[in-house]
Amino acid sequence: MKAGRIRTLRGQIDHVSGELKRRLIIDDGRPNSGLKILEFHVWAGVNTQQAFGSFGLALDVVPAAGAEDIFDAGDNRQIAWATWGYADAGTYFVQLPQFTLVDPDHIVNRDLFFYGLASHHPVKWNYLIVCQEYELTDDEAIITIVKETSQNTTQ
């Protein structure tokens, strides 16, 4: 595996319905190139009141039936997790402890999905993903594809 440039993926998702999903990377047909996620950050917009969200990155669509599905380390498709919250403390708002975790043992060489569940307030959620490009050999590409599809322990 040969490391390349550092890249960022960033954007904003307008949360209205309670469920958040977005396909961030679409398979470009080049199995010998991939990305390794180094950092995953999520936060709400500036004028947010009492917002809380749990988010993740996955190599395939993750059905979000509840909070237990968002943070499932047994699901091999999930590769990063984050939480962010802001609560009303009476006369002021306080930021709740943030959580971010990225599994270092993965390469994204097909699709990448952002997913999550958040509080009921209409909130614009921001995300920033720092990743590094990798050039894969044929054998590494095959192993990466097998790992992201056939080792899912939840289905």
N, C-alpha and C. Protein backbone atom coordinates (compact mmCIF):
# COMPACT_ATOMS: atom_id res chain seq x y z
N MET A 1 0.84 -1.17 0.00
CA MET A 1 0.00 0.00 0.00
C MET A 1 0.89 1.24 0.00
N LYS A 2 0.59 2.14 -0.89
CA LYS A 2 1.36 3.37 -1.00
C LYS A 2 0.46 4.55 -0.64
N ALA A 3 0.87 5.32 0.39
CA ALA A 3 0.08 6.46 0.84
C ALA A 3 0.25 7.64 -0.10
N GLY A 4 -0.83 8.40 -0.22
CA GLY A 4 -0.82 9.59 -1.08
C GLY A 4 -1.23 10.83 -0.31
N ARG A 5 -1.95 11.72 -0.99
CA ARG A 5 -2.34 13.01 -0.43
C ARG A 5 -3.40 12.89 0.66
N ILE A 6 -3.41 13.89 1.53
CA ILE A 6 -4.46 14.03 2.54
C ILE A 6 -5.59 14.83 1.87
N ARG A 7 -6.82 14.37 2.07
CA ARG A 7 -8.00 15.05 1.51
C ARG A 7 -9.02 15.26 2.61
N THR A 8 -9.97 16.14 2.36
CA THR A 8 -11.08 16.33 3.29
C THR A 8 -12.39 16.22 2.53
N LEU A 9 -13.36 15.68 3.22
CA LEU A 9 -14.75 15.66 2.75
C LEU A 9 -15.52 16.46 3.79
N ARG A 10 -16.27 17.43 3.36
CA ARG A 10 -17.04 18.21 4.32
C ARG A 10 -18.34 18.66 3.70
N GLY A 11 -19.29 18.91 4.58
CA GLY A 11 -20.59 19.34 4.09
C GLY A 11 -21.54 19.56 5.23
N GLN A 12 -22.81 19.69 4.87
CA GLN A 12 -23.85 19.95 5.84
C GLN A 12 -25.10 19.18 5.44
N ILE A 13 -25.74 18.60 6.43
CA ILE A 13 -27.00 17.89 6.22
C ILE A 13 -28.08 18.60 7.01
N ASP A 14 -29.16 18.94 6.33
CA ASP A 14 -30.28 19.61 6.97
C ASP A 14 -31.18 18.56 7.59
N HIS A 15 -31.21 18.52 8.91
CA HIS A 15 -31.97 17.51 9.63
C HIS A 15 -33.41 17.98 9.82
N VAL A 16 -34.33 17.30 9.21
CA VAL A 16 -35.74 17.65 9.38
C VAL A 16 -36.54 16.44 9.85
N SER A 17 -36.35 15.30 9.25
CA SER A 17 -37.20 14.14 9.49
C SER A 17 -36.76 13.29 10.67
N GLY A 18 -35.59 13.47 11.21
CA GLY A 18 -35.12 12.64 12.32
C GLY A 18 -34.09 11.62 11.88
N GLU A 19 -34.05 11.28 10.62
CA GLU A 19 -33.09 10.30 10.12
C GLU A 19 -32.14 10.99 9.15
N LEU A 20 -30.87 10.72 9.32
CA LEU A 20 -29.85 11.37 8.50
C LEU A 20 -29.08 10.32 7.72
N LYS A 21 -29.03 10.47 6.41
CA LYS A 21 -28.24 9.56 5.57
C LYS A 21 -27.71 10.32 4.37
N ARG A 22 -26.50 10.00 3.96
CA ARG A 22 -25.95 10.59 2.75
C ARG A 22 -24.84 9.69 2.22
N ARG A 23 -24.86 9.48 0.93
CA ARG A 23 -23.78 8.75 0.28
C ARG A 23 -22.70 9.77 -0.06
N LEU A 24 -21.53 9.63 0.54
CA LEU A 24 -20.46 10.61 0.38
C LEU A 24 -19.52 10.27 -0.77
N ILE A 25 -19.24 9.00 -0.96
CA ILE A 25 -18.34 8.57 -2.02
C ILE A 25 -19.06 7.48 -2.81
N ILE A 26 -19.01 7.59 -4.11
CA ILE A 26 -19.63 6.60 -4.98
C ILE A 26 -18.51 5.85 -5.69
N ASP A 27 -18.65 4.54 -5.78
CA ASP A 27 -17.65 3.68 -6.42
C ASP A 27 -17.28 4.24 -7.79
N ASP A 28 -15.99 4.51 -7.97
CA ASP A 28 -15.53 5.07 -9.24
C ASP A 28 -14.98 4.00 -10.19
N GLY A 29 -15.10 2.74 -9.80
CA GLY A 29 -14.67 1.65 -10.67
C GLY A 29 -13.17 1.42 -10.66
N ARG A 30 -12.45 2.08 -9.77
CA ARG A 30 -11.00 1.91 -9.66
C ARG A 30 -10.69 1.14 -8.37
N PRO A 31 -10.66 -0.19 -8.40
CA PRO A 31 -10.46 -0.96 -7.17
C PRO A 31 -9.07 -0.82 -6.57
N ASN A 32 -8.11 -0.28 -7.32
CA ASN A 32 -6.75 -0.15 -6.80
C ASN A 32 -6.48 1.21 -6.16
N SER A 33 -7.53 1.99 -5.95
CA SER A 33 -7.38 3.24 -5.21
C SER A 33 -8.37 3.23 -4.05
N GLY A 34 -7.96 3.84 -2.96
CA GLY A 34 -8.84 3.87 -1.80
C GLY A 34 -8.51 5.02 -0.87
N LEU A 35 -9.33 5.18 0.14
CA LEU A 35 -9.15 6.21 1.15
C LEU A 35 -9.16 5.58 2.53
N LYS A 36 -8.33 6.09 3.39
CA LYS A 36 -8.35 5.69 4.79
C LYS A 36 -8.83 6.90 5.59
N ILE A 37 -9.90 6.71 6.36
CA ILE A 37 -10.44 7.79 7.17
C ILE A 37 -9.51 7.98 8.37
N LEU A 38 -9.03 9.20 8.57
CA LEU A 38 -8.15 9.52 9.69
C LEU A 38 -8.88 10.21 10.82
N GLU A 39 -9.82 11.10 10.47
CA GLU A 39 -10.59 11.85 11.48
C GLU A 39 -12.03 11.99 11.00
N PHE A 40 -12.96 12.04 11.98
CA PHE A 40 -14.38 12.19 11.68
C PHE A 40 -14.96 13.14 12.72
N HIS A 41 -15.46 14.31 12.27
CA HIS A 41 -15.99 15.32 13.18
C HIS A 41 -17.40 15.71 12.75
N VAL A 42 -18.28 15.91 13.73
CA VAL A 42 -19.66 16.32 13.47
C VAL A 42 -20.02 17.39 14.49
N TRP A 43 -20.76 18.43 14.05
CA TRP A 43 -21.23 19.44 14.97
C TRP A 43 -22.45 20.12 14.37
N ALA A 44 -23.24 20.74 15.25
CA ALA A 44 -24.46 21.41 14.82
C ALA A 44 -24.17 22.86 14.46
N GLY A 45 -25.13 23.49 13.79
CA GLY A 45 -24.98 24.89 13.40
C GLY A 45 -24.91 25.83 14.59
N VAL A 46 -24.60 27.09 14.35
CA VAL A 46 -24.34 28.07 15.40
C VAL A 46 -25.56 28.36 16.26
N ASN A 47 -26.71 28.54 15.68
CA ASN A 47 -27.90 28.92 16.45
C ASN A 47 -28.71 27.70 16.91
N THR A 48 -28.02 26.71 17.39
CA THR A 48 -28.66 25.47 17.78
C THR A 48 -29.02 25.49 19.26
N GLN A 49 -30.22 25.04 19.58
CA GLN A 49 -30.65 24.93 20.97
C GLN A 49 -31.05 23.49 21.24
N GLN A 50 -30.47 22.91 22.25
CA GLN A 50 -30.76 21.56 22.69
C GLN A 50 -30.74 20.55 21.55
N ALA A 51 -29.62 20.37 20.97
CA ALA A 51 -29.47 19.39 19.89
C ALA A 51 -28.52 18.30 20.34
N PHE A 52 -28.83 17.07 19.94
CA PHE A 52 -27.94 15.95 20.20
C PHE A 52 -28.02 14.99 19.03
N GLY A 53 -26.87 14.46 18.64
CA GLY A 53 -26.87 13.52 17.52
C GLY A 53 -25.80 12.45 17.68
N SER A 54 -26.09 11.29 17.12
CA SER A 54 -25.14 10.17 17.04
C SER A 54 -24.98 9.85 15.57
N PHE A 55 -23.73 9.76 15.11
CA PHE A 55 -23.45 9.63 13.69
C PHE A 55 -22.40 8.57 13.43
N GLY A 56 -22.34 8.10 12.19
CA GLY A 56 -21.33 7.12 11.82
C GLY A 56 -20.99 7.19 10.35
N LEU A 57 -19.90 6.51 10.02
CA LEU A 57 -19.50 6.30 8.63
C LEU A 57 -19.49 4.81 8.39
N ALA A 58 -19.96 4.41 7.21
CA ALA A 58 -20.04 2.98 6.90
C ALA A 58 -19.70 2.73 5.43
N LEU A 59 -19.32 1.50 5.17
CA LEU A 59 -18.96 1.08 3.81
C LEU A 59 -20.16 0.60 3.02
N ASP A 60 -21.33 0.54 3.68
CA ASP A 60 -22.57 0.12 3.05
C ASP A 60 -23.71 0.80 3.81
N VAL A 61 -24.90 0.79 3.28
CA VAL A 61 -26.05 1.39 3.94
C VAL A 61 -26.30 0.68 5.26
N VAL A 62 -26.45 1.45 6.32
CA VAL A 62 -26.74 0.91 7.65
C VAL A 62 -28.16 1.30 8.01
N PRO A 63 -29.03 0.32 8.24
CA PRO A 63 -30.40 0.66 8.64
C PRO A 63 -30.41 1.25 10.04
N ALA A 64 -30.95 2.43 10.19
CA ALA A 64 -30.96 3.10 11.49
C ALA A 64 -32.30 2.91 12.18
N ALA A 65 -32.49 1.76 12.79
CA ALA A 65 -33.73 1.48 13.51
C ALA A 65 -33.72 2.10 14.90
N GLY A 66 -32.55 2.32 15.44
CA GLY A 66 -32.43 2.90 16.77
C GLY A 66 -30.98 3.19 17.09
N ALA A 67 -30.76 3.78 18.25
CA ALA A 67 -29.41 4.17 18.65
C ALA A 67 -28.46 2.98 18.73
N GLU A 68 -28.97 1.81 19.07
CA GLU A 68 -28.09 0.63 19.18
C GLU A 68 -27.53 0.23 17.82
N ASP A 69 -28.22 0.58 16.73
CA ASP A 69 -27.73 0.28 15.39
C ASP A 69 -26.67 1.27 14.92
N ILE A 70 -26.69 2.48 15.46
CA ILE A 70 -25.75 3.52 15.07
C ILE A 70 -24.35 3.18 15.55
N PHE A 71 -24.22 2.66 16.74
CA PHE A 71 -22.92 2.34 17.33
C PHE A 71 -22.81 0.83 17.51
N ASP A 72 -22.60 0.10 16.43
CA ASP A 72 -22.52 -1.35 16.48
C ASP A 72 -21.15 -1.80 16.00
N ALA A 73 -20.23 -2.02 16.93
CA ALA A 73 -18.88 -2.44 16.57
C ALA A 73 -18.85 -3.84 15.98
N GLY A 74 -19.92 -4.60 16.14
CA GLY A 74 -20.01 -5.92 15.55
C GLY A 74 -20.37 -5.89 14.07
N ASP A 75 -20.77 -4.73 13.58
CA ASP A 75 -21.12 -4.56 12.17
C ASP A 75 -19.88 -4.11 11.41
N ASN A 76 -19.29 -4.97 10.62
CA ASN A 76 -18.02 -4.69 9.94
C ASN A 76 -18.13 -3.56 8.92
N ARG A 77 -19.36 -3.18 8.53
CA ARG A 77 -19.54 -2.08 7.59
C ARG A 77 -19.27 -0.73 8.24
N GLN A 78 -19.45 -0.63 9.56
CA GLN A 78 -19.27 0.63 10.28
C GLN A 78 -17.79 0.84 10.60
N ILE A 79 -17.28 2.05 10.26
CA ILE A 79 -15.84 2.28 10.45
C ILE A 79 -15.53 3.52 11.29
N ALA A 80 -16.52 4.37 11.59
CA ALA A 80 -16.28 5.55 12.42
C ALA A 80 -17.58 5.97 13.10
N TRP A 81 -17.44 6.57 14.30
CA TRP A 81 -18.59 6.95 15.10
C TRP A 81 -18.32 8.29 15.77
N ALA A 82 -19.38 9.09 15.97
CA ALA A 82 -19.24 10.39 16.64
C ALA A 82 -20.56 10.80 17.27
N THR A 83 -20.46 11.57 18.36
CA THR A 83 -21.64 12.19 18.97
C THR A 83 -21.34 13.67 19.20
N TRP A 84 -22.40 14.45 19.24
CA TRP A 84 -22.27 15.88 19.53
C TRP A 84 -23.57 16.32 20.17
N GLY A 85 -23.48 17.19 21.19
CA GLY A 85 -24.70 17.65 21.84
C GLY A 85 -24.55 19.01 22.48
N TYR A 86 -25.71 19.68 22.61
CA TYR A 86 -25.78 21.01 23.19
C TYR A 86 -27.07 21.04 24.01
N ALA A 87 -26.98 21.31 25.32
CA ALA A 87 -28.16 21.20 26.18
C ALA A 87 -28.48 22.51 26.88
N ASP A 88 -29.75 22.68 27.22
CA ASP A 88 -30.23 23.85 27.95
C ASP A 88 -29.93 23.64 29.44
N ALA A 89 -29.16 24.56 30.02
CA ALA A 89 -28.83 24.47 31.45
C ALA A 89 -29.54 25.56 32.23
N GLY A 90 -30.72 25.93 31.80
CA GLY A 90 -31.48 26.97 32.48
C GLY A 90 -31.32 28.31 31.81
N THR A 91 -30.33 29.08 32.23
CA THR A 91 -30.12 30.41 31.67
C THR A 91 -29.04 30.44 30.58
N TYR A 92 -28.41 29.31 30.32
CA TYR A 92 -27.39 29.24 29.29
C TYR A 92 -27.35 27.83 28.71
N PHE A 93 -26.64 27.68 27.60
CA PHE A 93 -26.49 26.37 26.98
C PHE A 93 -25.09 25.84 27.22
N VAL A 94 -24.99 24.55 27.38
CA VAL A 94 -23.70 23.92 27.64
C VAL A 94 -23.46 22.82 26.62
N GLN A 95 -22.22 22.72 26.14
CA GLN A 95 -21.89 21.66 25.19
C GLN A 95 -21.64 20.37 25.96
N LEU A 96 -22.27 19.30 25.51
CA LEU A 96 -22.09 17.99 26.13
C LEU A 96 -20.78 17.38 25.64
N PRO A 97 -20.23 16.41 26.39
CA PRO A 97 -18.97 15.78 25.95
C PRO A 97 -19.11 15.18 24.56
N GLN A 98 -18.09 15.41 23.76
CA GLN A 98 -18.06 14.90 22.39
C GLN A 98 -17.35 13.55 22.37
N PHE A 99 -17.76 12.70 21.44
CA PHE A 99 -17.14 11.39 21.27
C PHE A 99 -16.83 11.18 19.80
N THR A 100 -15.62 10.75 19.50
CA THR A 100 -15.23 10.41 18.13
C THR A 100 -14.30 9.22 18.16
N LEU A 101 -14.57 8.24 17.30
CA LEU A 101 -13.73 7.05 17.21
C LEU A 101 -13.68 6.60 15.76
N VAL A 102 -12.47 6.35 15.26
CA VAL A 102 -12.29 5.86 13.89
C VAL A 102 -11.52 4.54 13.97
N ASP A 103 -12.07 3.49 13.37
CA ASP A 103 -11.38 2.20 13.28
C ASP A 103 -10.20 2.37 12.32
N PRO A 104 -8.96 2.16 12.77
CA PRO A 104 -7.81 2.39 11.90
C PRO A 104 -7.59 1.29 10.85
N ASP A 105 -8.32 0.17 10.97
CA ASP A 105 -8.10 -0.98 10.09
C ASP A 105 -9.16 -1.05 9.00
N HIS A 106 -9.08 -0.14 8.02
CA HIS A 106 -10.04 -0.13 6.92
C HIS A 106 -9.47 0.68 5.76
N ILE A 107 -9.96 0.40 4.58
CA ILE A 107 -9.71 1.20 3.39
C ILE A 107 -11.05 1.30 2.65
N VAL A 108 -11.45 2.51 2.29
CA VAL A 108 -12.67 2.72 1.52
C VAL A 108 -12.27 2.71 0.05
N ASN A 109 -12.65 1.66 -0.67
CA ASN A 109 -12.33 1.66 -2.10
C ASN A 109 -13.58 1.52 -2.97
N ARG A 110 -14.74 1.55 -2.35
CA ARG A 110 -15.99 1.59 -3.11
C ARG A 110 -16.84 2.73 -2.58
N ASP A 111 -17.86 2.48 -1.80
CA ASP A 111 -18.78 3.53 -1.34
C ASP A 111 -18.52 3.89 0.12
N LEU A 112 -18.89 5.12 0.49
CA LEU A 112 -18.84 5.57 1.88
C LEU A 112 -20.15 6.28 2.18
N PHE A 113 -20.76 5.91 3.31
CA PHE A 113 -22.05 6.46 3.71
C PHE A 113 -21.94 7.16 5.06
N PHE A 114 -22.58 8.31 5.17
CA PHE A 114 -22.75 9.03 6.43
C PHE A 114 -24.16 8.72 6.91
N TYR A 115 -24.34 8.40 8.18
CA TYR A 115 -25.67 8.09 8.70
C TYR A 115 -25.76 8.56 10.14
N GLY A 116 -26.97 8.69 10.65
CA GLY A 116 -27.12 9.10 12.04
C GLY A 116 -28.54 9.26 12.47
N LEU A 117 -28.68 9.50 13.76
CA LEU A 117 -29.95 9.85 14.40
C LEU A 117 -29.69 11.10 15.22
N ALA A 118 -30.66 12.02 15.25
CA ALA A 118 -30.46 13.26 15.98
C ALA A 118 -31.75 13.69 16.66
N SER A 119 -31.62 14.71 17.51
CA SER A 119 -32.78 15.24 18.24
C SER A 119 -33.82 15.78 17.26
N HIS A 120 -34.98 16.07 17.76
CA HIS A 120 -36.12 16.43 16.93
C HIS A 120 -36.09 17.87 16.40
N HIS A 121 -35.21 18.70 16.91
CA HIS A 121 -35.15 20.08 16.44
C HIS A 121 -34.64 20.14 15.00
N PRO A 122 -35.15 21.04 14.19
CA PRO A 122 -34.59 21.18 12.84
C PRO A 122 -33.19 21.78 12.94
N VAL A 123 -32.20 20.95 12.73
CA VAL A 123 -30.80 21.33 12.91
C VAL A 123 -30.04 21.07 11.63
N LYS A 124 -29.11 21.94 11.30
CA LYS A 124 -28.18 21.70 10.21
C LYS A 124 -26.92 21.11 10.82
N TRP A 125 -26.62 19.87 10.46
CA TRP A 125 -25.46 19.17 10.99
C TRP A 125 -24.30 19.28 10.01
N ASN A 126 -23.16 19.68 10.51
CA ASN A 126 -21.94 19.81 9.71
C ASN A 126 -21.06 18.59 9.94
N TYR A 127 -20.29 18.23 8.93
CA TYR A 127 -19.33 17.15 9.10
C TYR A 127 -18.03 17.49 8.39
N LEU A 128 -16.94 16.98 8.94
CA LEU A 128 -15.61 17.11 8.35
C LEU A 128 -14.92 15.77 8.50
N ILE A 129 -14.49 15.22 7.37
CA ILE A 129 -13.82 13.92 7.36
C ILE A 129 -12.45 14.12 6.74
N VAL A 130 -11.41 13.77 7.48
CA VAL A 130 -10.04 13.86 6.99
C VAL A 130 -9.63 12.45 6.57
N CYS A 131 -9.14 12.31 5.33
CA CYS A 131 -8.77 11.00 4.83
C CYS A 131 -7.47 11.08 4.02
N GLN A 132 -6.87 9.93 3.82
CA GLN A 132 -5.64 9.84 3.05
C GLN A 132 -5.83 8.88 1.90
N GLU A 133 -5.36 9.28 0.73
CA GLU A 133 -5.44 8.43 -0.46
C GLU A 133 -4.43 7.29 -0.34
N TYR A 134 -4.81 6.12 -0.85
CA TYR A 134 -3.91 4.97 -0.89
C TYR A 134 -3.99 4.31 -2.26
N GLU A 135 -2.84 3.86 -2.74
CA GLU A 135 -2.76 3.07 -3.96
C GLU A 135 -2.58 1.61 -3.53
N LEU A 136 -3.47 0.73 -4.00
CA LEU A 136 -3.49 -0.66 -3.57
C LEU A 136 -2.98 -1.59 -4.67
N THR A 137 -2.34 -2.67 -4.24
CA THR A 137 -2.01 -3.72 -5.20
C THR A 137 -3.30 -4.49 -5.50
N ASP A 138 -3.28 -5.36 -6.49
CA ASP A 138 -4.46 -6.17 -6.81
C ASP A 138 -4.88 -7.02 -5.62
N ASP A 139 -3.91 -7.64 -4.94
CA ASP A 139 -4.23 -8.49 -3.78
C ASP A 139 -4.84 -7.68 -2.64
N GLU A 140 -4.30 -6.50 -2.37
CA GLU A 140 -4.84 -5.64 -1.31
C GLU A 140 -6.26 -5.19 -1.64
N ALA A 141 -6.51 -4.88 -2.91
CA ALA A 141 -7.85 -4.46 -3.33
C ALA A 141 -8.87 -5.58 -3.11
N ILE A 142 -8.50 -6.80 -3.46
CA ILE A 142 -9.41 -7.95 -3.26
C ILE A 142 -9.68 -8.16 -1.78
N ILE A 143 -8.66 -8.12 -0.97
CA ILE A 143 -8.83 -8.32 0.48
C ILE A 143 -9.73 -7.23 1.06
N THR A 144 -9.56 -5.98 0.63
CA THR A 144 -10.38 -4.88 1.12
C THR A 144 -11.86 -5.07 0.76
N ILE A 145 -12.13 -5.49 -0.46
CA ILE A 145 -13.52 -5.72 -0.89
C ILE A 145 -14.14 -6.87 -0.12
N VAL A 146 -13.41 -7.95 0.08
CA VAL A 146 -13.90 -9.10 0.84
C VAL A 146 -14.19 -8.67 2.28
N LYS A 147 -13.29 -7.91 2.87
CA LYS A 147 -13.46 -7.49 4.26
C LYS A 147 -14.71 -6.62 4.45
N GLU A 148 -14.97 -5.74 3.51
CA GLU A 148 -16.11 -4.83 3.70
C GLU A 148 -17.46 -5.48 3.41
N THR A 149 -17.47 -6.64 2.75
CA THR A 149 -18.75 -7.26 2.42
C THR A 149 -19.03 -8.56 3.14
N SER A 150 -18.07 -9.45 3.21
CA SER A 150 -18.39 -10.81 3.67
C SER A 150 -18.20 -11.03 5.17
N GLN A 151 -17.67 -10.08 5.90
CA GLN A 151 -17.46 -10.28 7.33
C GLN A 151 -18.48 -9.56 8.19
N ASN A 152 -19.59 -9.16 7.62
CA ASN A 152 -20.63 -8.48 8.39
C ASN A 152 -21.25 -9.47 9.35
N THR A 153 -21.13 -9.20 10.65
CA THR A 153 -21.62 -10.13 11.66
C THR A 153 -23.05 -9.90 12.07
N THR A 154 -23.72 -8.87 11.50
CA THR A 154 -25.08 -8.58 11.91
C THR A 154 -26.14 -9.08 10.94
N GLN A 155 -25.74 -9.66 9.83
CA GLN A 155 -26.74 -10.15 8.87
C GLN A 155 -26.52 -11.60 8.58
